[in-house]
Amino acid sequence: MKEFAYFPGCSLEKLAVSYHTSALETTKKLGVKLKELEDWNCCGSTTYFHIDELLAYTLTARNLAIAEKTGLDVVAPCSACYRNMYFTAAHLKKDPDLAEHINYALEEDNLNFSGNIKIQHLLEMYVQDIGMEEIKSKVTNPLDGMKVAPYYGCQILRPRKDHEEVENPRFFEDLLSAIGATPIEYALKTRCCGGSLIISSRTAALSMVRRDMGLSTNESEIISTLLLSRPSGRISTPNSLR
């Protein structure tokens, strides 16, 4: 059985608990064990990096250091948490002076960040470590004939990796096809949902969600979205329909 360190993030404990439950049950059926990090803390979300960058990096580095202690690569289902963890690890590897300052703070918890683990979004783990054929073999209730609009959002593709298609990704479509659905072409699939604006500019945020959802429902029966992995997006989506 494959095993990964698991960072659920704050929203999956309350607002998105259904996503948390789904992640645990699905991975179990696919022969993967997710080991939740002990004593993890908030990743700082997207906004905190604009308030106190050093503390935001330290918060995320603490989680990474806890993951390193397990000896396992880490998986995050929340797109914002994934983005922060990935960028923090990459930035600290390039800035040894910053890494030294942060590790000095982490000594209080007997932790140290070295950057020797892999960080993946839950969806990436499905695609890269499990694979479509294995997923197909485990499907018991295929979504035959259901037309689905795949919505990636803007966070999961921000960490640009070598040879990865970021303008027109297809891995979400591949996953939907593996479970029997028919993914449609959706032009706004990588556009921002406006989730970070929901507090500072509610009208603008809800307008962006209406735009995204309006186009997706022209040809599809449902929209399948990584938006559920982001608390602000989860809040803004239902509110935009009121």
Foldseek 3Di string as FASTA:
>chain_A
DAEAEEEAADCCVPVLVVVVVCLCVLCVLLVYYYHYQPPQDHLCFDPNCVVPVLVSLLSLQLSQQSRVVVVGAYEYQFLRNLLSNVVSLVVCVVPVVSQVVSQVVSVVVPTHGDSPHHYYYSLCCCPPVRHLVSLLVSADDAPAPAEEEEAEEARNCPPPDPPADRQDHCSVVSNNVSRHYHYDDANCRHYHQLLVCCVVPVVVNLVSVCVRVVRRPPPGPYYDYSLSSHVSSSVSNVVSVD
